[in-house]
Amino acid sequence: MAKSSFSRVKLNLPGVNQMLREQQPLVDAVGEAIAGNAEGNYEYVANPHRFTARGHTQTADVETAVNDTKTHELLRAVGRSVR
């Protein structure tokens, strides 16, 4: 059998987790931008985790949630925030 040409990579998981956690301010900024660009009552909720940065943008009331199911305003706000 021929030897494989692939190399083994060993990740420093605590280092990777630290790097991901340090991205929380960036995640927060993008989430707040999406909530700000959406027309309606939307809010950003930071949800940091011990292994990674995370958060989500959501509707802040029932009327906005019902309207968003029809207009998909939150998805449109994501497109406006990316550009």
Protein backbone atom coordinates (compact mmCIF):
# COMPACT_ATOMS: atom_id res chain seq x y z
CA MET A 1 0.00 0.00 0.00
CA ALA A 2 1.14 3.51 -0.77
CA LYS A 3 1.66 5.97 2.03
CA SER A 4 -0.96 8.66 2.39
CA SER A 5 0.11 12.19 1.50
CA PHE A 6 -2.21 13.73 4.09
CA SER A 7 -0.82 15.40 7.18
CA ARG A 8 -2.27 15.09 10.62
CA VAL A 9 -3.37 18.31 12.24
CA LYS A 10 -3.89 18.64 15.95
CA LEU A 11 -5.96 21.66 16.98
CA ASN A 12 -5.33 23.58 20.16
CA LEU A 13 -8.97 23.55 21.23
CA PRO A 14 -8.62 25.96 24.17
CA GLY A 15 -6.90 28.40 21.81
CA VAL A 16 -9.58 28.00 19.15
CA ASN A 17 -12.31 28.53 21.74
CA GLN A 18 -10.59 31.67 23.03
CA MET A 19 -10.27 33.02 19.50
CA LEU A 20 -13.97 32.41 18.87
CA ARG A 21 -15.01 34.04 22.16
CA GLU A 22 -12.97 37.13 21.30
CA GLN A 23 -15.23 37.66 18.27
CA GLN A 24 -18.25 38.51 20.48
CA PRO A 25 -17.94 42.30 19.85
CA LEU A 26 -18.05 41.66 16.09
CA VAL A 27 -21.07 39.37 16.44
CA ASP A 28 -22.77 42.01 18.61
CA ALA A 29 -22.08 44.77 16.08
CA VAL A 30 -23.49 42.77 13.17
CA GLY A 31 -26.57 41.71 15.16
CA GLU A 32 -27.28 45.28 16.23
CA ALA A 33 -26.81 46.50 12.64
CA ILE A 34 -29.33 43.94 11.41
CA ALA A 35 -31.84 44.97 14.09
CA GLY A 36 -31.28 48.63 13.23
CA ASN A 37 -31.70 48.10 9.49
CA ALA A 38 -34.97 46.21 9.84
CA GLU A 39 -38.15 48.25 9.53
CA GLY A 40 -40.15 47.37 12.61
CA ASN A 41 -39.57 46.53 16.23
CA TYR A 42 -36.56 44.18 16.30
CA GLU A 43 -33.97 43.59 18.99
CA TYR A 44 -30.56 41.97 19.24
CA VAL A 45 -29.91 39.54 22.08
CA ALA A 46 -26.31 38.63 22.89
CA ASN A 47 -25.96 35.03 23.94
CA PRO A 48 -22.26 34.38 24.61
CA HIS A 49 -21.18 30.84 25.27
CA ARG A 50 -18.07 29.51 26.95
CA PHE A 51 -16.82 28.03 23.67
CA THR A 52 -17.90 30.57 21.06
CA ALA A 53 -19.47 33.97 20.35
CA ARG A 54 -23.14 34.02 19.46
CA GLY A 55 -26.28 36.11 19.51
CA HIS A 56 -29.50 36.54 17.61
CA THR A 57 -31.82 39.22 16.28
CA GLN A 58 -35.50 38.70 16.93
CA THR A 59 -38.84 40.44 16.80
CA ALA A 60 -39.62 42.41 19.94
CA ASP A 61 -43.41 42.06 19.85
CA VAL A 62 -46.18 39.93 18.42
CA GLU A 63 -47.30 42.47 15.80
CA THR A 64 -43.81 42.63 14.33
CA ALA A 65 -43.56 38.83 14.33
CA VAL A 66 -46.84 38.51 12.42
CA ASN A 67 -45.77 41.21 9.96
CA ASP A 68 -42.37 39.59 9.49
CA THR A 69 -43.95 36.29 8.44
CA LYS A 70 -45.58 38.16 5.56
CA THR A 71 -42.85 40.62 4.57
CA HIS A 72 -39.64 38.81 5.62
CA GLU A 73 -38.25 42.13 6.78
CA LEU A 74 -35.59 40.54 8.99
CA LEU A 75 -34.16 38.62 6.03
CA ARG A 76 -34.09 41.81 3.99
CA ALA A 77 -32.26 43.56 6.84
CA VAL A 78 -29.59 40.85 6.77
CA GLY A 79 -28.99 41.61 3.09
CA ARG A 80 -28.77 45.34 3.79
CA SER A 81 -26.30 44.76 6.65
CA VAL A 82 -23.98 42.55 4.63
CA ARG A 83 -23.31 45.11 1.92
